[in-house]
Amino acid sequence: MPRKVQLSAASAPSSGEPLVTVRRLHRRDLNRAWEFLKLVFRDVNRETVEYQRPRSKKRFLEVYEEEGIEQLLFEVKHGSRQEVVGYAECAVEAIGSDNWINPRYFEKRAMRPLFVEELAVHPEYQGRGIGAFVLDQLEHLARLRGCTHLVLEVAENNRGAISFYRKRNFYKLDAAVFLAKRVPMEDEILPPRKLPRERRRSVPAPAPAEPAPTKERV
């Protein structure tokens, strides 16, 4: 069902509080969902070694065609226009050629996760209840599918997101740390080299004249 969400007076229509609705992604939504994700992760991606999301439009379009992945769109209505304010992508199994999951980790711990591949909230709507609604929807799907946990990935420098998840009882499972060591390098191209001063050219001496031939006497 649509959920009421408290927005600023400038955003709320005169008839009352706007509603946030959720539905499954349709093919016609792909382009604007892609643009929405680029907007949400633009600043985070500038500061991370690994792109958080989305990795590429090609991959995003491929995900839509894959079986077993739920893609959800959260919208707020403004007059006749629906604005995308949230997006979620999840799957019961780790699928896809670029997944980051080791299933045995969860099997050993008797965990059946719902993998949250994506969770995004419009920057202008953060702190207004959209993220909580997204998580409620994901937890609802997890219960319906017999899952025991929600599992997701977040960049360590995305402090706002980490704080949001911590407040909702998410805890750290494991850590992947990028390490770097500076290696002494030498340029492949040699540095400039001084050119010696040009030597003064000496004027060559004239060649000696050949002696005139003498007449032989008979």
N, C-alpha and C. Protein backbone atom coordinates (compact mmCIF):
# COMPACT_ATOMS: atom_id res chain seq x y z
N MET A 1 0.83 -1.19 0.00
CA MET A 1 0.00 0.00 0.00
C MET A 1 0.87 1.25 0.00
N PRO A 2 0.39 2.34 -0.57
CA PRO A 2 1.15 3.59 -0.51
C PRO A 2 1.37 4.01 0.92
N ARG A 3 2.47 4.65 1.18
CA ARG A 3 2.79 5.11 2.53
C ARG A 3 2.86 6.62 2.55
N LYS A 4 2.31 7.20 3.61
CA LYS A 4 2.42 8.65 3.79
C LYS A 4 3.82 8.98 4.28
N VAL A 5 4.37 10.06 3.78
CA VAL A 5 5.69 10.48 4.21
C VAL A 5 5.67 11.99 4.41
N GLN A 6 6.28 12.46 5.49
CA GLN A 6 6.29 13.89 5.79
C GLN A 6 7.36 14.59 4.97
N LEU A 7 6.96 15.46 4.07
CA LEU A 7 7.89 16.24 3.28
C LEU A 7 7.78 17.70 3.68
N SER A 8 8.66 18.53 3.12
CA SER A 8 8.61 19.95 3.43
C SER A 8 7.35 20.56 2.85
N ALA A 9 6.97 21.73 3.38
CA ALA A 9 5.75 22.37 2.92
C ALA A 9 5.81 22.69 1.44
N ALA A 10 7.01 22.99 0.94
CA ALA A 10 7.16 23.32 -0.47
C ALA A 10 6.88 22.11 -1.35
N SER A 11 7.13 20.90 -0.82
CA SER A 11 6.95 19.70 -1.62
C SER A 11 5.56 19.10 -1.46
N ALA A 12 4.90 19.39 -0.34
CA ALA A 12 3.63 18.76 -0.05
C ALA A 12 2.49 19.47 -0.75
N PRO A 13 1.62 18.74 -1.43
CA PRO A 13 0.48 19.37 -2.08
C PRO A 13 -0.52 19.85 -1.05
N SER A 14 -1.39 20.80 -1.45
CA SER A 14 -2.34 21.39 -0.52
C SER A 14 -3.37 20.39 -0.02
N SER A 15 -3.58 19.29 -0.76
CA SER A 15 -4.58 18.31 -0.36
C SER A 15 -4.13 17.46 0.81
N GLY A 16 -2.87 17.54 1.21
CA GLY A 16 -2.37 16.74 2.33
C GLY A 16 -0.99 16.22 2.06
N GLU A 17 -0.54 15.30 2.93
CA GLU A 17 0.80 14.75 2.79
C GLU A 17 0.89 13.88 1.54
N PRO A 18 1.99 13.99 0.79
CA PRO A 18 2.15 13.14 -0.40
C PRO A 18 2.37 11.69 -0.01
N LEU A 19 2.13 10.79 -0.94
CA LEU A 19 2.31 9.37 -0.70
C LEU A 19 3.51 8.85 -1.46
N VAL A 20 4.25 7.98 -0.82
CA VAL A 20 5.33 7.27 -1.48
C VAL A 20 4.79 5.91 -1.90
N THR A 21 4.86 5.62 -3.18
CA THR A 21 4.38 4.34 -3.69
C THR A 21 5.56 3.50 -4.14
N VAL A 22 5.38 2.18 -4.12
CA VAL A 22 6.42 1.26 -4.56
C VAL A 22 5.81 0.29 -5.56
N ARG A 23 6.58 -0.01 -6.58
CA ARG A 23 6.15 -0.98 -7.60
C ARG A 23 7.38 -1.61 -8.23
N ARG A 24 7.15 -2.68 -8.95
CA ARG A 24 8.26 -3.32 -9.65
C ARG A 24 8.66 -2.49 -10.88
N LEU A 25 9.96 -2.52 -11.18
CA LEU A 25 10.48 -1.79 -12.32
C LEU A 25 9.93 -2.35 -13.62
N HIS A 26 9.58 -1.47 -14.54
CA HIS A 26 9.11 -1.85 -15.87
C HIS A 26 10.17 -1.45 -16.89
N ARG A 27 10.14 -2.07 -18.04
CA ARG A 27 11.12 -1.76 -19.08
C ARG A 27 11.14 -0.27 -19.42
N ARG A 28 9.96 0.34 -19.42
CA ARG A 28 9.89 1.77 -19.78
C ARG A 28 10.56 2.66 -18.73
N ASP A 29 10.86 2.11 -17.54
CA ASP A 29 11.49 2.88 -16.46
C ASP A 29 13.01 2.85 -16.50
N LEU A 30 13.60 2.03 -17.37
CA LEU A 30 15.03 1.76 -17.29
C LEU A 30 15.89 3.02 -17.43
N ASN A 31 15.60 3.85 -18.39
CA ASN A 31 16.44 5.03 -18.61
C ASN A 31 16.39 6.00 -17.43
N ARG A 32 15.20 6.29 -16.93
CA ARG A 32 15.15 7.24 -15.82
C ARG A 32 15.63 6.63 -14.51
N ALA A 33 15.51 5.31 -14.36
CA ALA A 33 16.08 4.66 -13.18
C ALA A 33 17.61 4.74 -13.23
N TRP A 34 18.18 4.56 -14.43
CA TRP A 34 19.63 4.68 -14.62
C TRP A 34 20.11 6.08 -14.26
N GLU A 35 19.41 7.10 -14.75
CA GLU A 35 19.79 8.48 -14.46
C GLU A 35 19.66 8.77 -12.97
N PHE A 36 18.66 8.20 -12.34
CA PHE A 36 18.47 8.37 -10.89
C PHE A 36 19.65 7.78 -10.12
N LEU A 37 20.10 6.60 -10.48
CA LEU A 37 21.21 5.96 -9.78
C LEU A 37 22.51 6.74 -9.97
N LYS A 38 22.74 7.26 -11.17
CA LYS A 38 23.93 8.07 -11.40
C LYS A 38 23.93 9.30 -10.49
N LEU A 39 22.77 9.91 -10.32
CA LEU A 39 22.65 11.08 -9.46
C LEU A 39 22.94 10.73 -8.00
N VAL A 40 22.37 9.63 -7.53
CA VAL A 40 22.52 9.25 -6.13
C VAL A 40 23.97 8.93 -5.78
N PHE A 41 24.67 8.21 -6.66
CA PHE A 41 26.01 7.73 -6.33
C PHE A 41 27.13 8.59 -6.91
N ARG A 42 26.78 9.71 -7.52
CA ARG A 42 27.79 10.55 -8.17
C ARG A 42 28.90 10.96 -7.21
N ASP A 43 28.55 11.53 -6.07
CA ASP A 43 29.56 12.03 -5.13
C ASP A 43 30.33 10.90 -4.46
N VAL A 44 29.65 9.80 -4.14
CA VAL A 44 30.32 8.66 -3.51
C VAL A 44 31.35 8.06 -4.46
N ASN A 45 30.99 7.90 -5.71
CA ASN A 45 31.90 7.29 -6.68
C ASN A 45 33.16 8.11 -6.92
N ARG A 46 33.08 9.41 -6.68
CA ARG A 46 34.27 10.26 -6.86
C ARG A 46 35.33 9.97 -5.80
N GLU A 47 34.94 9.38 -4.68
CA GLU A 47 35.85 9.22 -3.56
C GLU A 47 36.20 7.76 -3.27
N THR A 48 35.80 6.82 -4.11
CA THR A 48 36.04 5.42 -3.83
C THR A 48 36.91 4.78 -4.91
N VAL A 49 37.68 3.77 -4.52
CA VAL A 49 38.51 3.03 -5.46
C VAL A 49 37.62 2.25 -6.43
N GLU A 50 36.65 1.57 -5.86
CA GLU A 50 35.73 0.76 -6.65
C GLU A 50 34.41 1.52 -6.80
N TYR A 51 33.89 1.61 -8.03
CA TYR A 51 32.59 2.23 -8.22
C TYR A 51 31.56 1.51 -7.36
N GLN A 52 30.76 2.27 -6.63
CA GLN A 52 29.73 1.67 -5.80
C GLN A 52 28.57 1.19 -6.67
N ARG A 53 27.91 2.04 -7.31
CA ARG A 53 26.81 1.74 -8.23
C ARG A 53 26.50 3.02 -8.99
N PRO A 54 25.98 2.90 -10.16
CA PRO A 54 25.93 1.71 -11.00
C PRO A 54 27.23 1.55 -11.76
N ARG A 55 27.61 0.34 -12.07
CA ARG A 55 28.91 0.11 -12.69
C ARG A 55 28.90 0.54 -14.16
N SER A 56 27.86 0.19 -14.87
CA SER A 56 27.74 0.62 -16.26
C SER A 56 26.29 0.48 -16.67
N LYS A 57 25.88 1.27 -17.66
CA LYS A 57 24.49 1.16 -18.13
C LYS A 57 24.26 -0.19 -18.78
N LYS A 58 25.26 -0.71 -19.48
CA LYS A 58 25.13 -2.02 -20.12
C LYS A 58 24.80 -3.08 -19.08
N ARG A 59 25.53 -3.05 -17.96
CA ARG A 59 25.28 -4.04 -16.90
C ARG A 59 23.91 -3.83 -16.27
N PHE A 60 23.52 -2.57 -16.09
CA PHE A 60 22.22 -2.27 -15.50
C PHE A 60 21.09 -2.83 -16.36
N LEU A 61 21.20 -2.69 -17.67
CA LEU A 61 20.18 -3.21 -18.57
C LEU A 61 20.19 -4.74 -18.59
N GLU A 62 21.36 -5.34 -18.42
CA GLU A 62 21.44 -6.81 -18.37
C GLU A 62 20.74 -7.35 -17.13
N VAL A 63 20.87 -6.63 -16.01
CA VAL A 63 20.25 -7.08 -14.77
C VAL A 63 18.74 -7.22 -14.93
N TYR A 64 18.15 -6.29 -15.66
CA TYR A 64 16.70 -6.33 -15.86
C TYR A 64 16.26 -7.63 -16.52
N GLU A 65 17.11 -8.20 -17.36
CA GLU A 65 16.78 -9.41 -18.10
C GLU A 65 17.05 -10.68 -17.31
N GLU A 66 17.77 -10.58 -16.19
CA GLU A 66 18.13 -11.77 -15.42
C GLU A 66 16.97 -12.25 -14.56
N GLU A 67 16.85 -13.55 -14.43
CA GLU A 67 15.82 -14.15 -13.59
C GLU A 67 16.24 -14.08 -12.12
N GLY A 68 15.26 -13.93 -11.25
CA GLY A 68 15.53 -14.01 -9.81
C GLY A 68 15.90 -12.71 -9.16
N ILE A 69 15.93 -11.60 -9.90
CA ILE A 69 16.28 -10.31 -9.32
C ILE A 69 15.04 -9.43 -9.24
N GLU A 70 14.78 -8.90 -8.06
CA GLU A 70 13.67 -7.96 -7.86
C GLU A 70 14.22 -6.53 -7.98
N GLN A 71 13.58 -5.72 -8.81
CA GLN A 71 13.93 -4.30 -8.94
C GLN A 71 12.71 -3.46 -8.61
N LEU A 72 12.83 -2.63 -7.60
CA LEU A 72 11.69 -1.88 -7.08
C LEU A 72 11.92 -0.39 -7.23
N LEU A 73 10.87 0.32 -7.61
CA LEU A 73 10.93 1.75 -7.80
C LEU A 73 10.00 2.43 -6.80
N PHE A 74 10.51 3.45 -6.11
CA PHE A 74 9.73 4.21 -5.13
C PHE A 74 9.52 5.61 -5.70
N GLU A 75 8.27 6.06 -5.69
CA GLU A 75 7.94 7.32 -6.35
C GLU A 75 7.05 8.20 -5.47
N VAL A 76 7.16 9.50 -5.70
CA VAL A 76 6.28 10.50 -5.10
C VAL A 76 5.61 11.25 -6.24
N LYS A 77 4.32 11.46 -6.13
CA LYS A 77 3.57 12.12 -7.19
C LYS A 77 3.57 13.63 -7.00
N HIS A 78 3.89 14.35 -8.08
CA HIS A 78 3.83 15.80 -8.11
C HIS A 78 2.91 16.18 -9.26
N GLY A 79 1.66 16.47 -8.96
CA GLY A 79 0.70 16.75 -10.01
C GLY A 79 0.49 15.51 -10.86
N SER A 80 0.75 15.63 -12.15
CA SER A 80 0.61 14.48 -13.04
C SER A 80 1.93 13.73 -13.22
N ARG A 81 2.97 14.18 -12.55
CA ARG A 81 4.31 13.60 -12.73
C ARG A 81 4.71 12.77 -11.52
N GLN A 82 5.30 11.61 -11.79
CA GLN A 82 5.83 10.74 -10.74
C GLN A 82 7.34 10.93 -10.67
N GLU A 83 7.85 11.32 -9.51
CA GLU A 83 9.29 11.49 -9.33
C GLU A 83 9.88 10.28 -8.62
N VAL A 84 10.97 9.76 -9.17
CA VAL A 84 11.66 8.63 -8.54
C VAL A 84 12.42 9.14 -7.32
N VAL A 85 12.13 8.57 -6.15
CA VAL A 85 12.80 8.99 -4.92
C VAL A 85 13.57 7.84 -4.27
N GLY A 86 13.38 6.62 -4.78
CA GLY A 86 14.09 5.49 -4.21
C GLY A 86 14.13 4.32 -5.16
N TYR A 87 15.13 3.47 -4.97
CA TYR A 87 15.30 2.28 -5.82
C TYR A 87 15.91 1.18 -4.98
N ALA A 88 15.46 -0.05 -5.20
CA ALA A 88 16.03 -1.20 -4.51
C ALA A 88 16.14 -2.36 -5.48
N GLU A 89 17.19 -3.16 -5.28
CA GLU A 89 17.44 -4.32 -6.13
C GLU A 89 17.90 -5.45 -5.22
N CYS A 90 17.26 -6.59 -5.30
CA CYS A 90 17.60 -7.67 -4.37
C CYS A 90 17.41 -9.03 -5.03
N ALA A 91 18.00 -10.06 -4.43
CA ALA A 91 17.89 -11.42 -4.95
C ALA A 91 18.12 -12.41 -3.81
N VAL A 92 17.45 -13.53 -3.89
CA VAL A 92 17.62 -14.58 -2.87
C VAL A 92 18.94 -15.30 -3.06
N GLU A 93 19.39 -15.43 -4.30
CA GLU A 93 20.65 -16.09 -4.59
C GLU A 93 21.62 -15.11 -5.23
N ALA A 94 22.90 -15.34 -4.98
CA ALA A 94 23.93 -14.51 -5.59
C ALA A 94 24.08 -14.95 -7.03
N ILE A 95 23.64 -14.09 -7.95
CA ILE A 95 23.69 -14.44 -9.36
C ILE A 95 24.39 -13.33 -10.12
N GLY A 96 24.72 -13.64 -11.37
CA GLY A 96 25.40 -12.65 -12.20
C GLY A 96 26.90 -12.90 -12.22
N SER A 97 27.54 -12.50 -13.31
CA SER A 97 28.97 -12.73 -13.48
C SER A 97 29.83 -11.82 -12.61
N ASP A 98 29.24 -10.74 -12.08
CA ASP A 98 30.03 -9.79 -11.29
C ASP A 98 29.60 -9.74 -9.83
N ASN A 99 28.98 -10.83 -9.35
CA ASN A 99 28.53 -10.79 -7.95
C ASN A 99 29.71 -10.91 -7.01
N TRP A 100 29.52 -10.40 -5.78
CA TRP A 100 30.61 -10.28 -4.82
C TRP A 100 30.42 -11.24 -3.63
N ILE A 101 29.58 -12.26 -3.80
CA ILE A 101 29.17 -13.09 -2.67
C ILE A 101 29.85 -14.46 -2.71
N ASN A 102 30.29 -14.93 -1.53
CA ASN A 102 30.76 -16.30 -1.34
C ASN A 102 29.65 -17.06 -0.60
N PRO A 103 28.85 -17.87 -1.29
CA PRO A 103 27.70 -18.53 -0.65
C PRO A 103 28.07 -19.41 0.54
N ARG A 104 29.27 -20.02 0.51
CA ARG A 104 29.66 -20.93 1.60
C ARG A 104 29.77 -20.21 2.94
N TYR A 105 30.09 -18.92 2.91
CA TYR A 105 30.17 -18.15 4.15
C TYR A 105 28.85 -18.23 4.90
N PHE A 106 27.75 -18.09 4.17
CA PHE A 106 26.43 -18.08 4.79
C PHE A 106 25.93 -19.48 5.10
N GLU A 107 26.28 -20.44 4.24
CA GLU A 107 25.87 -21.81 4.48
C GLU A 107 26.44 -22.34 5.80
N LYS A 108 27.69 -22.02 6.09
CA LYS A 108 28.33 -22.49 7.33
C LYS A 108 27.68 -21.89 8.57
N ARG A 109 27.03 -20.75 8.42
CA ARG A 109 26.42 -20.06 9.55
C ARG A 109 24.89 -20.19 9.57
N ALA A 110 24.39 -21.12 8.75
CA ALA A 110 22.94 -21.38 8.69
C ALA A 110 22.16 -20.09 8.41
N MET A 111 22.70 -19.26 7.54
CA MET A 111 22.05 -18.01 7.17
C MET A 111 21.47 -18.15 5.76
N ARG A 112 20.25 -17.66 5.61
CA ARG A 112 19.63 -17.60 4.28
C ARG A 112 19.36 -16.14 3.97
N PRO A 113 20.29 -15.46 3.29
CA PRO A 113 20.17 -14.01 3.11
C PRO A 113 19.27 -13.62 1.93
N LEU A 114 18.72 -12.45 2.04
CA LEU A 114 18.21 -11.74 0.87
C LEU A 114 19.29 -10.72 0.55
N PHE A 115 19.94 -10.89 -0.59
CA PHE A 115 21.05 -10.02 -0.96
C PHE A 115 20.52 -8.72 -1.54
N VAL A 116 20.84 -7.62 -0.89
CA VAL A 116 20.44 -6.29 -1.36
C VAL A 116 21.55 -5.77 -2.26
N GLU A 117 21.34 -5.89 -3.55
CA GLU A 117 22.36 -5.47 -4.51
C GLU A 117 22.39 -3.95 -4.65
N GLU A 118 21.27 -3.32 -4.37
CA GLU A 118 21.18 -1.87 -4.54
C GLU A 118 20.13 -1.29 -3.61
N LEU A 119 20.47 -0.16 -3.01
CA LEU A 119 19.51 0.61 -2.23
C LEU A 119 19.89 2.07 -2.39
N ALA A 120 19.00 2.86 -2.95
CA ALA A 120 19.33 4.26 -3.25
C ALA A 120 18.15 5.15 -2.92
N VAL A 121 18.46 6.31 -2.33
CA VAL A 121 17.45 7.31 -1.99
C VAL A 121 17.88 8.63 -2.58
N HIS A 122 16.95 9.34 -3.19
CA HIS A 122 17.24 10.64 -3.79
C HIS A 122 17.87 11.57 -2.75
N PRO A 123 18.98 12.25 -3.09
CA PRO A 123 19.65 13.12 -2.11
C PRO A 123 18.73 14.15 -1.46
N GLU A 124 17.77 14.68 -2.20
CA GLU A 124 16.89 15.71 -1.66
C GLU A 124 15.80 15.14 -0.76
N TYR A 125 15.66 13.82 -0.73
CA TYR A 125 14.64 13.19 0.10
C TYR A 125 15.22 12.41 1.27
N GLN A 126 16.53 12.43 1.41
CA GLN A 126 17.15 11.69 2.51
C GLN A 126 16.76 12.33 3.84
N GLY A 127 16.49 11.49 4.81
CA GLY A 127 16.07 11.96 6.13
C GLY A 127 14.57 12.20 6.23
N ARG A 128 13.80 11.80 5.23
CA ARG A 128 12.36 12.03 5.22
C ARG A 128 11.55 10.74 5.28
N GLY A 129 12.20 9.62 5.55
CA GLY A 129 11.47 8.37 5.70
C GLY A 129 11.48 7.46 4.50
N ILE A 130 12.09 7.91 3.40
CA ILE A 130 12.13 7.07 2.20
C ILE A 130 12.96 5.81 2.45
N GLY A 131 14.16 5.99 3.02
CA GLY A 131 15.03 4.85 3.26
C GLY A 131 14.41 3.83 4.18
N ALA A 132 13.70 4.30 5.20
CA ALA A 132 13.03 3.38 6.13
C ALA A 132 11.96 2.56 5.40
N PHE A 133 11.23 3.23 4.49
CA PHE A 133 10.22 2.53 3.71
C PHE A 133 10.85 1.47 2.81
N VAL A 134 11.98 1.82 2.19
CA VAL A 134 12.68 0.87 1.33
C VAL A 134 13.09 -0.37 2.13
N LEU A 135 13.67 -0.15 3.32
CA LEU A 135 14.09 -1.29 4.14
C LEU A 135 12.90 -2.11 4.62
N ASP A 136 11.80 -1.45 4.97
CA ASP A 136 10.59 -2.19 5.37
C ASP A 136 10.12 -3.09 4.24
N GLN A 137 10.16 -2.58 3.01
CA GLN A 137 9.74 -3.37 1.86
C GLN A 137 10.67 -4.57 1.65
N LEU A 138 11.98 -4.34 1.80
CA LEU A 138 12.94 -5.43 1.62
C LEU A 138 12.79 -6.49 2.71
N GLU A 139 12.58 -6.06 3.95
CA GLU A 139 12.37 -7.02 5.03
C GLU A 139 11.09 -7.82 4.81
N HIS A 140 10.06 -7.16 4.28
CA HIS A 140 8.81 -7.84 3.97
C HIS A 140 9.03 -8.93 2.93
N LEU A 141 9.79 -8.62 1.88
CA LEU A 141 10.12 -9.61 0.86
C LEU A 141 10.94 -10.75 1.45
N ALA A 142 11.88 -10.41 2.34
CA ALA A 142 12.73 -11.44 2.96
C ALA A 142 11.88 -12.43 3.76
N ARG A 143 10.93 -11.92 4.53
CA ARG A 143 10.07 -12.81 5.32
C ARG A 143 9.24 -13.71 4.41
N LEU A 144 8.69 -13.15 3.35
CA LEU A 144 7.85 -13.93 2.43
C LEU A 144 8.66 -15.04 1.75
N ARG A 145 9.96 -14.82 1.56
CA ARG A 145 10.79 -15.81 0.88
C ARG A 145 11.56 -16.71 1.85
N GLY A 146 11.28 -16.60 3.12
CA GLY A 146 11.92 -17.46 4.11
C GLY A 146 13.37 -17.11 4.39
N CYS A 147 13.76 -15.88 4.14
CA CYS A 147 15.14 -15.45 4.39
C CYS A 147 15.32 -15.05 5.85
N THR A 148 16.55 -15.20 6.34
CA THR A 148 16.84 -14.89 7.74
C THR A 148 17.56 -13.56 7.92
N HIS A 149 18.16 -13.04 6.86
CA HIS A 149 18.96 -11.82 6.97
C HIS A 149 18.84 -10.98 5.69
N LEU A 150 19.02 -9.68 5.86
CA LEU A 150 19.31 -8.79 4.74
C LEU A 150 20.82 -8.60 4.71
N VAL A 151 21.43 -8.74 3.56
CA VAL A 151 22.89 -8.58 3.43
C VAL A 151 23.16 -7.58 2.31
N LEU A 152 24.00 -6.61 2.60
CA LEU A 152 24.33 -5.59 1.60
C LEU A 152 25.77 -5.14 1.74
N GLU A 153 26.23 -4.38 0.77
CA GLU A 153 27.59 -3.85 0.74
C GLU A 153 27.52 -2.33 0.78
N VAL A 154 28.43 -1.73 1.54
CA VAL A 154 28.47 -0.27 1.60
C VAL A 154 29.92 0.17 1.73
N ALA A 155 30.26 1.28 1.08
CA ALA A 155 31.63 1.80 1.14
C ALA A 155 31.92 2.35 2.54
N GLU A 156 33.14 2.11 3.03
CA GLU A 156 33.49 2.56 4.37
C GLU A 156 33.47 4.08 4.50
N ASN A 157 33.69 4.79 3.40
CA ASN A 157 33.69 6.25 3.49
C ASN A 157 32.31 6.85 3.27
N ASN A 158 31.31 6.00 3.07
CA ASN A 158 29.93 6.48 2.96
C ASN A 158 29.33 6.51 4.36
N ARG A 159 29.78 7.48 5.15
CA ARG A 159 29.44 7.50 6.58
C ARG A 159 27.95 7.67 6.82
N GLY A 160 27.29 8.44 5.97
CA GLY A 160 25.86 8.63 6.15
C GLY A 160 25.10 7.33 6.03
N ALA A 161 25.46 6.53 5.02
CA ALA A 161 24.79 5.24 4.81
C ALA A 161 25.10 4.28 5.96
N ILE A 162 26.36 4.26 6.40
CA ILE A 162 26.73 3.36 7.49
C ILE A 162 25.96 3.71 8.76
N SER A 163 25.85 4.98 9.07
CA SER A 163 25.09 5.41 10.24
C SER A 163 23.62 5.00 10.11
N PHE A 164 23.07 5.15 8.93
CA PHE A 164 21.67 4.77 8.68
C PHE A 164 21.46 3.29 8.96
N TYR A 165 22.37 2.44 8.46
CA TYR A 165 22.21 1.00 8.64
C TYR A 165 22.46 0.58 10.09
N ARG A 166 23.44 1.20 10.74
CA ARG A 166 23.73 0.85 12.13
C ARG A 166 22.52 1.10 13.03
N LYS A 167 21.82 2.20 12.78
CA LYS A 167 20.64 2.52 13.58
C LYS A 167 19.52 1.50 13.39
N ARG A 168 19.61 0.74 12.31
CA ARG A 168 18.58 -0.25 12.02
C ARG A 168 19.10 -1.67 12.20
N ASN A 169 20.09 -1.78 13.10
CA ASN A 169 20.59 -3.07 13.59
C ASN A 169 21.37 -3.89 12.55
N PHE A 170 21.91 -3.24 11.55
CA PHE A 170 22.85 -3.93 10.66
C PHE A 170 24.20 -4.01 11.36
N TYR A 171 24.93 -5.08 11.13
CA TYR A 171 26.25 -5.24 11.73
C TYR A 171 27.23 -5.71 10.67
N LYS A 172 28.51 -5.54 10.97
CA LYS A 172 29.56 -5.85 10.00
C LYS A 172 29.80 -7.35 9.95
N LEU A 173 29.78 -7.91 8.75
CA LEU A 173 30.03 -9.34 8.57
C LEU A 173 31.51 -9.63 8.35
N ASP A 174 32.10 -8.91 7.45
CA ASP A 174 33.47 -9.19 7.04
C ASP A 174 34.05 -7.90 6.49
N ALA A 175 35.33 -7.91 6.20
CA ALA A 175 35.96 -6.68 5.71
C ALA A 175 36.88 -7.00 4.55
N ALA A 176 36.77 -6.23 3.50
CA ALA A 176 37.71 -6.29 2.38
C ALA A 176 38.40 -4.94 2.34
N VAL A 177 39.73 -4.95 2.53
CA VAL A 177 40.48 -3.71 2.63
C VAL A 177 41.39 -3.59 1.42
N PHE A 178 41.34 -2.45 0.75
CA PHE A 178 42.27 -2.19 -0.35
C PHE A 178 43.59 -1.69 0.24
N LEU A 179 44.70 -2.35 -0.13
CA LEU A 179 46.02 -1.95 0.34
C LEU A 179 46.83 -1.42 -0.85
N ALA A 180 47.69 -0.48 -0.56
CA ALA A 180 48.53 0.08 -1.62
C ALA A 180 49.93 0.32 -1.08
N LYS A 181 50.95 0.11 -1.91
CA LYS A 181 52.34 0.39 -1.56
C LYS A 181 52.97 1.15 -2.71
N ARG A 182 53.66 2.24 -2.37
CA ARG A 182 54.31 3.01 -3.41
C ARG A 182 55.55 2.26 -3.93
N VAL A 183 55.67 2.14 -5.21
CA VAL A 183 56.79 1.45 -5.84
C VAL A 183 57.69 2.49 -6.50
N PRO A 184 59.01 2.44 -6.21
CA PRO A 184 59.92 3.38 -6.89
C PRO A 184 59.84 3.18 -8.40
N MET A 185 59.67 4.26 -9.07
CA MET A 185 59.48 4.17 -10.51
C MET A 185 60.55 4.97 -11.25
N GLU A 186 60.84 4.53 -12.44
CA GLU A 186 61.71 5.28 -13.33
C GLU A 186 60.94 5.54 -14.62
N ASP A 187 61.12 6.74 -15.13
CA ASP A 187 60.44 7.08 -16.37
C ASP A 187 60.97 6.23 -17.52
N GLU A 188 60.07 5.85 -18.38
CA GLU A 188 60.49 5.11 -19.56
C GLU A 188 61.24 6.01 -20.54
N ILE A 189 60.92 7.28 -20.50
CA ILE A 189 61.56 8.24 -21.39
C ILE A 189 62.71 8.92 -20.64
N LEU A 190 63.87 8.95 -21.23
CA LEU A 190 65.02 9.57 -20.58
C LEU A 190 64.83 11.07 -20.44
N PRO A 191 65.44 11.67 -19.41
CA PRO A 191 65.29 13.12 -19.21
C PRO A 191 66.05 13.90 -20.28
N PRO A 192 65.82 15.21 -20.36
CA PRO A 192 66.54 16.03 -21.34
C PRO A 192 68.05 15.93 -21.14
N ARG A 193 68.77 16.07 -22.17
CA ARG A 193 70.24 15.96 -22.11
C ARG A 193 70.85 17.22 -22.70
N LYS A 194 71.90 17.73 -22.05
CA LYS A 194 72.55 18.94 -22.53
C LYS A 194 73.26 18.68 -23.86
N LEU A 195 73.11 19.61 -24.70
CA LEU A 195 73.75 19.51 -26.00
C LEU A 195 75.08 20.27 -25.94
N PRO A 196 76.23 19.65 -26.29
CA PRO A 196 77.52 20.36 -26.25
C PRO A 196 77.50 21.56 -27.19
N ARG A 197 78.31 22.55 -26.82
CA ARG A 197 78.40 23.72 -27.69
C ARG A 197 78.95 23.33 -29.04
N GLU A 198 78.49 24.03 -30.03
CA GLU A 198 78.94 23.73 -31.38
C GLU A 198 80.41 24.12 -31.53
N ARG A 199 81.22 23.24 -32.07
CA ARG A 199 82.64 23.52 -32.28
C ARG A 199 82.82 24.45 -33.48
N ARG A 200 83.86 25.30 -33.36
CA ARG A 200 84.17 26.18 -34.50
C ARG A 200 84.74 25.36 -35.64
N ARG A 201 84.17 25.61 -36.78
CA ARG A 201 84.64 24.86 -37.94
C ARG A 201 85.95 25.50 -38.46
N SER A 202 87.04 24.71 -38.62
CA SER A 202 88.33 25.23 -39.15
C SER A 202 88.27 25.23 -40.68
N VAL A 203 88.86 26.31 -41.27
CA VAL A 203 88.88 26.41 -42.74
C VAL A 203 89.96 25.49 -43.27
N PRO A 204 89.62 24.57 -44.15
CA PRO A 204 90.64 23.61 -44.63
C PRO A 204 91.72 24.32 -45.45
N ALA A 205 93.00 23.89 -45.30
CA ALA A 205 94.13 24.48 -46.06
C ALA A 205 94.00 24.10 -47.53
N PRO A 206 94.44 25.01 -48.43
CA PRO A 206 94.34 24.68 -49.87
C PRO A 206 95.26 23.54 -50.23
N ALA A 207 94.86 22.71 -51.14
CA ALA A 207 95.65 21.56 -51.57
C ALA A 207 96.88 22.04 -52.34
N PRO A 208 98.05 21.42 -52.15
CA PRO A 208 99.26 21.83 -52.89
C PRO A 208 99.09 21.63 -54.39
N ALA A 209 99.65 22.56 -55.18
CA ALA A 209 99.53 22.46 -56.65
C ALA A 209 100.40 21.34 -57.16
N GLU A 210 99.91 20.65 -58.13
CA GLU A 210 100.68 19.55 -58.72
C GLU A 210 101.79 20.13 -59.60
N PRO A 211 103.03 19.54 -59.59
CA PRO A 211 104.13 20.05 -60.44
C PRO A 211 103.82 19.85 -61.91
N ALA A 212 104.25 20.82 -62.74
CA ALA A 212 104.01 20.72 -64.19
C ALA A 212 104.85 19.59 -64.78
N PRO A 213 104.36 18.89 -65.75
CA PRO A 213 105.10 17.77 -66.34
C PRO A 213 106.36 18.28 -67.10
N THR A 214 107.45 17.51 -66.99
CA THR A 214 108.71 17.89 -67.69
C THR A 214 108.83 17.13 -68.98
N LYS A 215 109.52 17.80 -69.99
CA LYS A 215 109.71 17.13 -71.27
C LYS A 215 110.94 16.24 -71.17
N GLU A 216 110.79 15.04 -71.71
CA GLU A 216 111.94 14.10 -71.74
C GLU A 216 112.77 14.36 -72.99
N ARG A 217 114.10 14.29 -72.81
CA ARG A 217 115.00 14.43 -73.95
C ARG A 217 115.18 13.06 -74.62
N VAL A 218 115.27 13.09 -75.97
CA VAL A 218 115.51 11.85 -76.70
C VAL A 218 117.02 11.68 -76.86
